[in-house]
Amino acid sequence: MSNAHAQESFEEFTARYVSFFDGVEDLFELQRGLNNCFAHDLVPAPSIIEAALKAARRVDDYATAVRIFEGVREKVENKQQYQAYLQELQPIKQELGVETKEEMYGQTL
């Protein structure tokens, strides 16, 4: 990580990753970006998750779209925070036809 990234604000981090995912053209690039984004000690903003979901559908990889939600579930501090993310991202989930692992397998949180 460069020194510039160490000093970036949450807003700058968010803008950088939204821009990155908006430009993703292949699965390798998407997965590399997700790995880098989720490696930070923070939960990515919903706008990042939305851009990543759109990228996953753009490169036609439904499994990665589902895994994005699994990543969010692991990063948040509690079930209520995960529920808040799901609620905020519900419109894009419906638009893209993406279900969470819990929805696919009838599991509860």
PDB file of N, CA and C in Angstrom:
ATOM      1  N   MET A   1       0.854  -1.177   0.000  1.00  0.00           N
ATOM      2  CA  MET A   1       0.000   0.000   0.000  1.00  0.00           C
ATOM      3  C   MET A   1       0.896   1.234   0.000  1.00  0.00           C
ATOM      4  N   SER A   2       0.567   2.148  -0.851  1.00  0.00           N
ATOM      5  CA  SER A   2       1.371   3.365  -0.919  1.00  0.00           C
ATOM      6  C   SER A   2       1.039   4.285   0.249  1.00  0.00           C
ATOM      7  N   ASN A   3       1.929   5.211   0.521  1.00  0.00           N
ATOM      8  CA  ASN A   3       1.730   6.164   1.603  1.00  0.00           C
ATOM      9  C   ASN A   3       0.489   7.024   1.365  1.00  0.00           C
ATOM     10  N   ALA A   4       0.197   7.335   0.105  1.00  0.00           N
ATOM     11  CA  ALA A   4      -0.983   8.145  -0.215  1.00  0.00           C
ATOM     12  C   ALA A   4      -2.256   7.435   0.240  1.00  0.00           C
ATOM     13  N   HIS A   5      -2.318   6.111   0.056  1.00  0.00           N
ATOM     14  CA  HIS A   5      -3.504   5.358   0.456  1.00  0.00           C
ATOM     15  C   HIS A   5      -3.609   5.273   1.973  1.00  0.00           C
ATOM     16  N   ALA A   6      -2.484   5.273   2.676  1.00  0.00           N
ATOM     17  CA  ALA A   6      -2.506   5.199   4.136  1.00  0.00           C
ATOM     18  C   ALA A   6      -3.151   6.443   4.728  1.00  0.00           C
ATOM     19  N   GLN A   7      -3.077   7.549   4.028  1.00  0.00           N
ATOM     20  CA  GLN A   7      -3.619   8.814   4.528  1.00  0.00           C
ATOM     21  C   GLN A   7      -5.002   9.139   3.966  1.00  0.00           C
ATOM     22  N   GLU A   8      -5.565   8.273   3.135  1.00  0.00           N
ATOM     23  CA  GLU A   8      -6.825   8.636   2.495  1.00  0.00           C
ATOM     24  C   GLU A   8      -7.996   8.519   3.470  1.00  0.00           C
ATOM     25  N   SER A   9      -8.955   9.409   3.303  1.00  0.00           N
ATOM     26  CA  SER A   9     -10.152   9.412   4.143  1.00  0.00           C
ATOM     27  C   SER A   9     -11.099   8.302   3.683  1.00  0.00           C
ATOM     28  N   PHE A  10     -12.112   8.037   4.495  1.00  0.00           N
ATOM     29  CA  PHE A  10     -13.113   7.038   4.127  1.00  0.00           C
ATOM     30  C   PHE A  10     -13.806   7.442   2.832  1.00  0.00           C
ATOM     31  N   GLU A  11     -14.069   8.733   2.666  1.00  0.00           N
ATOM     32  CA  GLU A  11     -14.723   9.226   1.451  1.00  0.00           C
ATOM     33  C   GLU A  11     -13.834   9.017   0.229  1.00  0.00           C
ATOM     34  N   GLU A  12     -12.539   9.270   0.374  1.00  0.00           N
ATOM     35  CA  GLU A  12     -11.598   9.057  -0.735  1.00  0.00           C
ATOM     36  C   GLU A  12     -11.477   7.567  -1.051  1.00  0.00           C
ATOM     37  N   PHE A  13     -11.421   6.746  -0.020  1.00  0.00           N
ATOM     38  CA  PHE A  13     -11.383   5.292  -0.188  1.00  0.00           C
ATOM     39  C   PHE A  13     -12.617   4.833  -0.960  1.00  0.00           C
ATOM     40  N   THR A  14     -13.775   5.328  -0.541  1.00  0.00           N
ATOM     41  CA  THR A  14     -15.028   4.959  -1.190  1.00  0.00           C
ATOM     42  C   THR A  14     -15.031   5.384  -2.653  1.00  0.00           C
ATOM     43  N   ALA A  15     -14.652   6.611  -2.923  1.00  0.00           N
ATOM     44  CA  ALA A  15     -14.621   7.108  -4.306  1.00  0.00           C
ATOM     45  C   ALA A  15     -13.650   6.295  -5.159  1.00  0.00           C
ATOM     46  N   ARG A  16     -12.502   5.945  -4.586  1.00  0.00           N
ATOM     47  CA  ARG A  16     -11.496   5.172  -5.331  1.00  0.00           C
ATOM     48  C   ARG A  16     -12.043   3.804  -5.722  1.00  0.00           C
ATOM     49  N   TYR A  17     -12.693   3.114  -4.788  1.00  0.00           N
ATOM     50  CA  TYR A  17     -13.187   1.775  -5.103  1.00  0.00           C
ATOM     51  C   TYR A  17     -14.451   1.792  -5.953  1.00  0.00           C
ATOM     52  N   VAL A  18     -15.309   2.774  -5.790  1.00  0.00           N
ATOM     53  CA  VAL A  18     -16.465   2.888  -6.686  1.00  0.00           C
ATOM     54  C   VAL A  18     -15.964   3.086  -8.110  1.00  0.00           C
ATOM     55  N   SER A  19     -15.007   3.972  -8.290  1.00  0.00           N
ATOM     56  CA  SER A  19     -14.425   4.213  -9.611  1.00  0.00           C
ATOM     57  C   SER A  19     -13.763   2.949 -10.154  1.00  0.00           C
ATOM     58  N   PHE A  20     -13.029   2.253  -9.297  1.00  0.00           N
ATOM     59  CA  PHE A  20     -12.367   1.019  -9.732  1.00  0.00           C
ATOM     60  C   PHE A  20     -13.396   0.009 -10.236  1.00  0.00           C
ATOM     61  N   PHE A  21     -14.425  -0.268  -9.426  1.00  0.00           N
ATOM     62  CA  PHE A  21     -15.402  -1.284  -9.812  1.00  0.00           C
ATOM     63  C   PHE A  21     -16.233  -0.850 -11.013  1.00  0.00           C
ATOM     64  N   ASP A  22     -16.437   0.443 -11.183  1.00  0.00           N
ATOM     65  CA  ASP A  22     -17.146   0.932 -12.371  1.00  0.00           C
ATOM     66  C   ASP A  22     -16.378   0.619 -13.650  1.00  0.00           C
ATOM     67  N   GLY A  23     -15.063   0.473 -13.549  1.00  0.00           N
ATOM     68  CA  GLY A  23     -14.243   0.216 -14.724  1.00  0.00           C
ATOM     69  C   GLY A  23     -13.821  -1.228 -14.916  1.00  0.00           C
ATOM     70  N   VAL A  24     -14.244  -2.117 -14.036  1.00  0.00           N
ATOM     71  CA  VAL A  24     -13.847  -3.526 -14.124  1.00  0.00           C
ATOM     72  C   VAL A  24     -14.359  -4.143 -15.422  1.00  0.00           C
ATOM     73  N   GLU A  25     -13.461  -4.884 -16.093  1.00  0.00           N
ATOM     74  CA  GLU A  25     -13.829  -5.504 -17.364  1.00  0.00           C
ATOM     75  C   GLU A  25     -13.715  -7.017 -17.373  1.00  0.00           C
ATOM     76  N   ASP A  26     -13.093  -7.607 -16.337  1.00  0.00           N
ATOM     77  CA  ASP A  26     -13.005  -9.063 -16.308  1.00  0.00           C
ATOM     78  C   ASP A  26     -13.032  -9.579 -14.873  1.00  0.00           C
ATOM     79  N   LEU A  27     -13.244 -10.876 -14.750  1.00  0.00           N
ATOM     80  CA  LEU A  27     -13.404 -11.493 -13.439  1.00  0.00           C
ATOM     81  C   LEU A  27     -12.152 -11.374 -12.582  1.00  0.00           C
ATOM     82  N   PHE A  28     -10.983 -11.564 -13.176  1.00  0.00           N
ATOM     83  CA  PHE A  28      -9.745 -11.462 -12.403  1.00  0.00           C
ATOM     84  C   PHE A  28      -9.619 -10.083 -11.771  1.00  0.00           C
ATOM     85  N   GLU A  29      -9.884  -9.058 -12.557  1.00  0.00           N
ATOM     86  CA  GLU A  29      -9.796  -7.680 -12.066  1.00  0.00           C
ATOM     87  C   GLU A  29     -10.807  -7.443 -10.933  1.00  0.00           C
ATOM     88  N   LEU A  30     -12.018  -7.969 -11.095  1.00  0.00           N
ATOM     89  CA  LEU A  30     -13.045  -7.837 -10.063  1.00  0.00           C
ATOM     90  C   LEU A  30     -12.597  -8.508  -8.770  1.00  0.00           C
ATOM     91  N   GLN A  31     -12.128  -9.737  -8.869  1.00  0.00           N
ATOM     92  CA  GLN A  31     -11.725 -10.470  -7.668  1.00  0.00           C
ATOM     93  C   GLN A  31     -10.508  -9.833  -7.002  1.00  0.00           C
ATOM     94  N   ARG A  32      -9.588  -9.337  -7.789  1.00  0.00           N
ATOM     95  CA  ARG A  32      -8.421  -8.641  -7.235  1.00  0.00           C
ATOM     96  C   ARG A  32      -8.867  -7.395  -6.475  1.00  0.00           C
ATOM     97  N   GLY A  33      -9.784  -6.635  -7.062  1.00  0.00           N
ATOM     98  CA  GLY A  33     -10.297  -5.434  -6.409  1.00  0.00           C
ATOM     99  C   GLY A  33     -11.045  -5.746  -5.122  1.00  0.00           C
ATOM    100  N   LEU A  34     -11.847  -6.809  -5.140  1.00  0.00           N
ATOM    101  CA  LEU A  34     -12.567  -7.203  -3.930  1.00  0.00           C
ATOM    102  C   LEU A  34     -11.597  -7.619  -2.834  1.00  0.00           C
ATOM    103  N   ASN A  35     -10.586  -8.397  -3.205  1.00  0.00           N
ATOM    104  CA  ASN A  35      -9.584  -8.830  -2.232  1.00  0.00           C
ATOM    105  C   ASN A  35      -8.902  -7.624  -1.595  1.00  0.00           C
ATOM    106  N   ASN A  36      -8.514  -6.666  -2.411  1.00  0.00           N
ATOM    107  CA  ASN A  36      -7.851  -5.464  -1.895  1.00  0.00           C
ATOM    108  C   ASN A  36      -8.798  -4.628  -1.034  1.00  0.00           C
ATOM    109  N   CYS A  37     -10.007  -4.442  -1.498  1.00  0.00           N
ATOM    110  CA  CYS A  37     -10.980  -3.614  -0.778  1.00  0.00           C
ATOM    111  C   CYS A  37     -11.324  -4.215   0.585  1.00  0.00           C
ATOM    112  N   PHE A  38     -11.585  -5.512   0.618  1.00  0.00           N
ATOM    113  CA  PHE A  38     -11.989  -6.162   1.862  1.00  0.00           C
ATOM    114  C   PHE A  38     -10.818  -6.417   2.802  1.00  0.00           C
ATOM    115  N   ALA A  39      -9.589  -6.223   2.337  1.00  0.00           N
ATOM    116  CA  ALA A  39      -8.416  -6.416   3.194  1.00  0.00           C
ATOM    117  C   ALA A  39      -8.235  -5.264   4.179  1.00  0.00           C
ATOM    118  N   HIS A  40      -8.865  -4.140   3.908  1.00  0.00           N
ATOM    119  CA  HIS A  40      -8.738  -2.978   4.794  1.00  0.00           C
ATOM    120  C   HIS A  40      -9.532  -3.191   6.076  1.00  0.00           C
ATOM    121  N   ASP A  41      -9.149  -2.486   7.115  1.00  0.00           N
ATOM    122  CA  ASP A  41      -9.782  -2.619   8.421  1.00  0.00           C
ATOM    123  C   ASP A  41     -11.010  -1.712   8.520  1.00  0.00           C
ATOM    124  N   LEU A  42     -11.956  -1.928   7.611  1.00  0.00           N
ATOM    125  CA  LEU A  42     -13.215  -1.193   7.607  1.00  0.00           C
ATOM    126  C   LEU A  42     -14.223  -1.964   6.782  1.00  0.00           C
ATOM    127  N   VAL A  43     -15.474  -1.625   6.964  1.00  0.00           N
ATOM    128  CA  VAL A  43     -16.527  -2.222   6.152  1.00  0.00           C
ATOM    129  C   VAL A  43     -16.744  -1.297   4.961  1.00  0.00           C
ATOM    130  N   PRO A  44     -16.637  -1.820   3.731  1.00  0.00           N
ATOM    131  CA  PRO A  44     -16.843  -0.957   2.566  1.00  0.00           C
ATOM    132  C   PRO A  44     -18.230  -0.311   2.582  1.00  0.00           C
ATOM    133  N   ALA A  45     -18.291   0.915   2.125  1.00  0.00           N
ATOM    134  CA  ALA A  45     -19.558   1.650   2.060  1.00  0.00           C
ATOM    135  C   ALA A  45     -20.528   0.953   1.105  1.00  0.00           C
ATOM    136  N   PRO A  46     -21.830   1.110   1.335  1.00  0.00           N
ATOM    137  CA  PRO A  46     -22.812   0.515   0.429  1.00  0.00           C
ATOM    138  C   PRO A  46     -22.595   0.900  -1.037  1.00  0.00           C
ATOM    139  N   SER A  47     -22.112   2.103  -1.306  1.00  0.00           N
ATOM    140  CA  SER A  47     -21.871   2.502  -2.701  1.00  0.00           C
ATOM    141  C   SER A  47     -20.773   1.651  -3.338  1.00  0.00           C
ATOM    142  N   ILE A  48     -19.785   1.236  -2.560  1.00  0.00           N
ATOM    143  CA  ILE A  48     -18.747   0.333  -3.074  1.00  0.00           C
ATOM    144  C   ILE A  48     -19.363  -1.026  -3.371  1.00  0.00           C
ATOM    145  N   ILE A  49     -20.170  -1.517  -2.446  1.00  0.00           N
ATOM    146  CA  ILE A  49     -20.804  -2.822  -2.629  1.00  0.00           C
ATOM    147  C   ILE A  49     -21.690  -2.800  -3.872  1.00  0.00           C
ATOM    148  N   GLU A  50     -22.438  -1.727  -4.053  1.00  0.00           N
ATOM    149  CA  GLU A  50     -23.293  -1.606  -5.238  1.00  0.00           C
ATOM    150  C   GLU A  50     -22.466  -1.638  -6.518  1.00  0.00           C
ATOM    151  N   ALA A  51     -21.379  -0.883  -6.566  1.00  0.00           N
ATOM    152  CA  ALA A  51     -20.519  -0.871  -7.756  1.00  0.00           C
ATOM    153  C   ALA A  51     -19.908  -2.247  -7.997  1.00  0.00           C
ATOM    154  N   ALA A  52     -19.520  -2.945  -6.926  1.00  0.00           N
ATOM    155  CA  ALA A  52     -18.942  -4.281  -7.063  1.00  0.00           C
ATOM    156  C   ALA A  52     -19.986  -5.274  -7.566  1.00  0.00           C
ATOM    157  N   LEU A  53     -21.211  -5.173  -7.067  1.00  0.00           N
ATOM    158  CA  LEU A  53     -22.282  -6.055  -7.538  1.00  0.00           C
ATOM    159  C   LEU A  53     -22.559  -5.838  -9.022  1.00  0.00           C
ATOM    160  N   LYS A  54     -22.605  -4.589  -9.435  1.00  0.00           N
ATOM    161  CA  LYS A  54     -22.814  -4.292 -10.858  1.00  0.00           C
ATOM    162  C   LYS A  54     -21.677  -4.850 -11.698  1.00  0.00           C
ATOM    163  N   ALA A  55     -20.457  -4.750 -11.188  1.00  0.00           N
ATOM    164  CA  ALA A  55     -19.304  -5.294 -11.911  1.00  0.00           C
ATOM    165  C   ALA A  55     -19.411  -6.810 -12.019  1.00  0.00           C
ATOM    166  N   ALA A  56     -19.831  -7.469 -10.942  1.00  0.00           N
ATOM    167  CA  ALA A  56     -19.974  -8.927 -10.964  1.00  0.00           C
ATOM    168  C   ALA A  56     -20.993  -9.356 -12.011  1.00  0.00           C
ATOM    169  N   ARG A  57     -22.088  -8.648 -12.096  1.00  0.00           N
ATOM    170  CA  ARG A  57     -23.099  -8.993 -13.099  1.00  0.00           C
ATOM    171  C   ARG A  57     -22.610  -8.637 -14.505  1.00  0.00           C
ATOM    172  N   ARG A  58     -21.851  -7.551 -14.620  1.00  0.00           N
ATOM    173  CA  ARG A  58     -21.316  -7.139 -15.922  1.00  0.00           C
ATOM    174  C   ARG A  58     -20.373  -8.199 -16.484  1.00  0.00           C
ATOM    175  N   VAL A  59     -19.555  -8.803 -15.614  1.00  0.00           N
ATOM    176  CA  VAL A  59     -18.631  -9.844 -16.082  1.00  0.00           C
ATOM    177  C   VAL A  59     -19.290 -11.220 -16.009  1.00  0.00           C
ATOM    178  N   ASP A  60     -20.591 -11.235 -15.716  1.00  0.00           N
ATOM    179  CA  ASP A  60     -21.412 -12.440 -15.719  1.00  0.00           C
ATOM    180  C   ASP A  60     -20.922 -13.484 -14.724  1.00  0.00           C
ATOM    181  N   ASP A  61     -20.700 -13.047 -13.481  1.00  0.00           N
ATOM    182  CA  ASP A  61     -20.270 -13.984 -12.443  1.00  0.00           C
ATOM    183  C   ASP A  61     -21.179 -13.843 -11.225  1.00  0.00           C
ATOM    184  N   TYR A  62     -22.272 -14.578 -11.269  1.00  0.00           N
ATOM    185  CA  TYR A  62     -23.267 -14.529 -10.194  1.00  0.00           C
ATOM    186  C   TYR A  62     -22.675 -14.974  -8.860  1.00  0.00           C
ATOM    187  N   ALA A  63     -21.831 -15.997  -8.896  1.00  0.00           N
ATOM    188  CA  ALA A  63     -21.245 -16.515  -7.652  1.00  0.00           C
ATOM    189  C   ALA A  63     -20.467 -15.430  -6.910  1.00  0.00           C
ATOM    190  N   THR A  64     -19.729 -14.619  -7.637  1.00  0.00           N
ATOM    191  CA  THR A  64     -18.986 -13.541  -6.986  1.00  0.00           C
ATOM    192  C   THR A  64     -19.948 -12.519  -6.391  1.00  0.00           C
ATOM    193  N   ALA A  65     -21.052 -12.254  -7.069  1.00  0.00           N
ATOM    194  CA  ALA A  65     -22.046 -11.325  -6.520  1.00  0.00           C
ATOM    195  C   ALA A  65     -22.559 -11.832  -5.172  1.00  0.00           C
ATOM    196  N   VAL A  66     -22.829 -13.127  -5.081  1.00  0.00           N
ATOM    197  CA  VAL A  66     -23.288 -13.713  -3.818  1.00  0.00           C
ATOM    198  C   VAL A  66     -22.184 -13.613  -2.769  1.00  0.00           C
ATOM    199  N   ARG A  67     -20.954 -13.874  -3.166  1.00  0.00           N
ATOM    200  CA  ARG A  67     -19.826 -13.831  -2.227  1.00  0.00           C
ATOM    201  C   ARG A  67     -19.556 -12.422  -1.700  1.00  0.00           C
ATOM    202  N   ILE A  68     -19.907 -11.422  -2.476  1.00  0.00           N
ATOM    203  CA  ILE A  68     -19.745 -10.045  -1.992  1.00  0.00           C
ATOM    204  C   ILE A  68     -20.559  -9.865  -0.711  1.00  0.00           C
ATOM    205  N   PHE A  69     -21.778 -10.389  -0.708  1.00  0.00           N
ATOM    206  CA  PHE A  69     -22.600 -10.291   0.501  1.00  0.00           C
ATOM    207  C   PHE A  69     -22.008 -11.106   1.647  1.00  0.00           C
ATOM    208  N   GLU A  70     -21.405 -12.250   1.333  1.00  0.00           N
ATOM    209  CA  GLU A  70     -20.744 -13.029   2.378  1.00  0.00           C
ATOM    210  C   GLU A  70     -19.586 -12.235   2.977  1.00  0.00           C
ATOM    211  N   GLY A  71     -18.864 -11.516   2.131  1.00  0.00           N
ATOM    212  CA  GLY A  71     -17.772 -10.679   2.616  1.00  0.00           C
ATOM    213  C   GLY A  71     -18.264  -9.582   3.538  1.00  0.00           C
ATOM    214  N   VAL A  72     -19.375  -8.965   3.164  1.00  0.00           N
ATOM    215  CA  VAL A  72     -19.955  -7.921   4.018  1.00  0.00           C
ATOM    216  C   VAL A  72     -20.361  -8.523   5.358  1.00  0.00           C
ATOM    217  N   ARG A  73     -20.999  -9.690   5.313  1.00  0.00           N
ATOM    218  CA  ARG A  73     -21.444 -10.342   6.553  1.00  0.00           C
ATOM    219  C   ARG A  73     -20.270 -10.602   7.496  1.00  0.00           C
ATOM    220  N   GLU A  74     -19.122 -10.968   6.943  1.00  0.00           N
ATOM    221  CA  GLU A  74     -17.938 -11.233   7.766  1.00  0.00           C
ATOM    222  C   GLU A  74     -17.295  -9.952   8.299  1.00  0.00           C
ATOM    223  N   LYS A  75     -17.415  -8.856   7.572  1.00  0.00           N
ATOM    224  CA  LYS A  75     -16.760  -7.600   7.964  1.00  0.00           C
ATOM    225  C   LYS A  75     -17.538  -6.804   9.013  1.00  0.00           C
ATOM    226  N   VAL A  76     -18.862  -6.906   8.988  1.00  0.00           N
ATOM    227  CA  VAL A  76     -19.654  -6.107   9.925  1.00  0.00           C
ATOM    228  C   VAL A  76     -19.489  -6.618  11.352  1.00  0.00           C
ATOM    229  N   GLU A  77     -19.842  -5.765  12.300  1.00  0.00           N
ATOM    230  CA  GLU A  77     -19.666  -6.108  13.713  1.00  0.00           C
ATOM    231  C   GLU A  77     -20.792  -6.956  14.286  1.00  0.00           C
ATOM    232  N   ASN A  78     -21.992  -6.869  13.686  1.00  0.00           N
ATOM    233  CA  ASN A  78     -23.121  -7.613  14.246  1.00  0.00           C
ATOM    234  C   ASN A  78     -24.205  -7.821  13.189  1.00  0.00           C
ATOM    235  N   LYS A  79     -25.198  -8.636  13.544  1.00  0.00           N
ATOM    236  CA  LYS A  79     -26.286  -8.959  12.619  1.00  0.00           C
ATOM    237  C   LYS A  79     -27.096  -7.730  12.227  1.00  0.00           C
ATOM    238  N   GLN A  80     -27.262  -6.812  13.166  1.00  0.00           N
ATOM    239  CA  GLN A  80     -28.050  -5.613  12.875  1.00  0.00           C
ATOM    240  C   GLN A  80     -27.367  -4.762  11.803  1.00  0.00           C
ATOM    241  N   GLN A  81     -26.063  -4.669  11.859  1.00  0.00           N
ATOM    242  CA  GLN A  81     -25.331  -3.906  10.846  1.00  0.00           C
ATOM    243  C   GLN A  81     -25.460  -4.589   9.478  1.00  0.00           C
ATOM    244  N   TYR A  82     -25.377  -5.915   9.455  1.00  0.00           N
ATOM    245  CA  TYR A  82     -25.550  -6.658   8.203  1.00  0.00           C
ATOM    246  C   TYR A  82     -26.959  -6.435   7.654  1.00  0.00           C
ATOM    247  N   GLN A  83     -27.955  -6.487   8.531  1.00  0.00           N
ATOM    248  CA  GLN A  83     -29.334  -6.238   8.104  1.00  0.00           C
ATOM    249  C   GLN A  83     -29.483  -4.837   7.517  1.00  0.00           C
ATOM    250  N   ALA A  84     -28.809  -3.857   8.104  1.00  0.00           N
ATOM    251  CA  ALA A  84     -28.870  -2.488   7.590  1.00  0.00           C
ATOM    252  C   ALA A  84     -28.278  -2.419   6.181  1.00  0.00           C
ATOM    253  N   TYR A  85     -27.173  -3.124   5.955  1.00  0.00           N
ATOM    254  CA  TYR A  85     -26.584  -3.176   4.615  1.00  0.00           C
ATOM    255  C   TYR A  85     -27.559  -3.825   3.639  1.00  0.00           C
ATOM    256  N   LEU A  86     -28.140  -4.952   4.029  1.00  0.00           N
ATOM    257  CA  LEU A  86     -29.081  -5.637   3.144  1.00  0.00           C
ATOM    258  C   LEU A  86     -30.266  -4.747   2.805  1.00  0.00           C
ATOM    259  N   GLN A  87     -30.765  -4.035   3.789  1.00  0.00           N
ATOM    260  CA  GLN A  87     -31.903  -3.146   3.553  1.00  0.00           C
ATOM    261  C   GLN A  87     -31.529  -2.029   2.581  1.00  0.00           C
ATOM    262  N   GLU A  88     -30.373  -1.423   2.785  1.00  0.00           N
ATOM    263  CA  GLU A  88     -29.953  -0.337   1.895  1.00  0.00           C
ATOM    264  C   GLU A  88     -29.676  -0.838   0.483  1.00  0.00           C
ATOM    265  N   LEU A  89     -29.178  -2.063   0.365  1.00  0.00           N
ATOM    266  CA  LEU A  89     -28.818  -2.614  -0.938  1.00  0.00           C
ATOM    267  C   LEU A  89     -29.958  -3.393  -1.595  1.00  0.00           C
ATOM    268  N   GLN A  90     -31.114  -3.462  -0.950  1.00  0.00           N
ATOM    269  CA  GLN A  90     -32.241  -4.223  -1.492  1.00  0.00           C
ATOM    270  C   GLN A  90     -32.616  -3.811  -2.919  1.00  0.00           C
ATOM    271  N   PRO A  91     -32.694  -2.518  -3.242  1.00  0.00           N
ATOM    272  CA  PRO A  91     -33.054  -2.155  -4.622  1.00  0.00           C
ATOM    273  C   PRO A  91     -32.075  -2.700  -5.668  1.00  0.00           C
ATOM    274  N   ILE A  92     -30.779  -2.641  -5.398  1.00  0.00           N
ATOM    275  CA  ILE A  92     -29.806  -3.145  -6.376  1.00  0.00           C
ATOM    276  C   ILE A  92     -29.831  -4.669  -6.414  1.00  0.00           C
ATOM    277  N   LYS A  93     -30.080  -5.304  -5.279  1.00  0.00           N
ATOM    278  CA  LYS A  93     -30.223  -6.767  -5.251  1.00  0.00           C
ATOM    279  C   LYS A  93     -31.359  -7.181  -6.169  1.00  0.00           C
ATOM    280  N   GLN A  94     -32.487  -6.485  -6.066  1.00  0.00           N
ATOM    281  CA  GLN A  94     -33.642  -6.812  -6.900  1.00  0.00           C
ATOM    282  C   GLN A  94     -33.365  -6.504  -8.365  1.00  0.00           C
ATOM    283  N   GLU A  95     -32.770  -5.349  -8.630  1.00  0.00           N
ATOM    284  CA  GLU A  95     -32.474  -4.956 -10.013  1.00  0.00           C
ATOM    285  C   GLU A  95     -31.582  -5.980 -10.705  1.00  0.00           C
ATOM    286  N   LEU A  96     -30.573  -6.474  -9.990  1.00  0.00           N
ATOM    287  CA  LEU A  96     -29.612  -7.407 -10.578  1.00  0.00           C
ATOM    288  C   LEU A  96     -30.009  -8.866 -10.394  1.00  0.00           C
ATOM    289  N   GLY A  97     -31.030  -9.127  -9.595  1.00  0.00           N
ATOM    290  CA  GLY A  97     -31.462 -10.503  -9.361  1.00  0.00           C
ATOM    291  C   GLY A  97     -30.486 -11.309  -8.526  1.00  0.00           C
ATOM    292  N   VAL A  98     -29.869 -10.669  -7.549  1.00  0.00           N
ATOM    293  CA  VAL A  98     -28.874 -11.333  -6.704  1.00  0.00           C
ATOM    294  C   VAL A  98     -29.508 -11.681  -5.361  1.00  0.00           C
ATOM    295  N   GLU A  99     -29.325 -12.923  -4.944  1.00  0.00           N
ATOM    296  CA  GLU A  99     -29.765 -13.355  -3.624  1.00  0.00           C
ATOM    297  C   GLU A  99     -28.552 -13.585  -2.741  1.00  0.00           C
ATOM    298  N   THR A 100     -28.762 -13.465  -1.448  1.00  0.00           N
ATOM    299  CA  THR A 100     -27.697 -13.815  -0.513  1.00  0.00           C
ATOM    300  C   THR A 100     -27.694 -15.329  -0.339  1.00  0.00           C
ATOM    301  N   LYS A 101     -26.617 -15.837   0.220  1.00  0.00           N
ATOM    302  CA  LYS A 101     -26.524 -17.269   0.503  1.00  0.00           C
ATOM    303  C   LYS A 101     -27.674 -17.698   1.418  1.00  0.00           C
ATOM    304  N   GLU A 102     -27.987 -16.858   2.399  1.00  0.00           N
ATOM    305  CA  GLU A 102     -29.071 -17.172   3.328  1.00  0.00           C
ATOM    306  C   GLU A 102     -30.408 -17.283   2.595  1.00  0.00           C
ATOM    307  N   GLU A 103     -30.643 -16.393   1.654  1.00  0.00           N
ATOM    308  CA  GLU A 103     -31.893 -16.428   0.891  1.00  0.00           C
ATOM    309  C   GLU A 103     -31.960 -17.663   0.004  1.00  0.00           C
ATOM    310  N   MET A 104     -30.849 -18.040  -0.587  1.00  0.00           N
ATOM    311  CA  MET A 104     -30.833 -19.205  -1.474  1.00  0.00           C
ATOM    312  C   MET A 104     -31.086 -20.504  -0.719  1.00  0.00           C
ATOM    313  N   TYR A 105     -30.563 -20.593   0.491  1.00  0.00           N
ATOM    314  CA  TYR A 105     -30.643 -21.844   1.241  1.00  0.00           C
ATOM    315  C   TYR A 105     -31.624 -21.794   2.402  1.00  0.00           C
ATOM    316  N   GLY A 106     -32.418 -20.740   2.481  1.00  0.00           N
ATOM    317  CA  GLY A 106     -33.429 -20.628   3.517  1.00  0.00           C
ATOM    318  C   GLY A 106     -32.872 -20.567   4.924  1.00  0.00           C
ATOM    319  N   GLN A 107     -31.690 -19.989   5.059  1.00  0.00           N
ATOM    320  CA  GLN A 107     -31.053 -19.882   6.369  1.00  0.00           C
ATOM    321  C   GLN A 107     -31.450 -18.572   7.025  1.00  0.00           C
ATOM    322  N   THR A 108     -31.389 -18.552   8.329  1.00  0.00           N
ATOM    323  CA  THR A 108     -31.608 -17.308   9.053  1.00  0.00           C
ATOM    324  C   THR A 108     -30.265 -16.727   9.434  1.00  0.00           C
ATOM    325  N   LEU A 109     -30.264 -15.435   9.684  1.00  0.00           N
ATOM    326  CA  LEU A 109     -29.009 -14.766  10.037  1.00  0.00           C
ATOM    327  C   LEU A 109     -28.621 -15.040  11.455  1.00  0.00           C
TER     328      LEU A 109
END
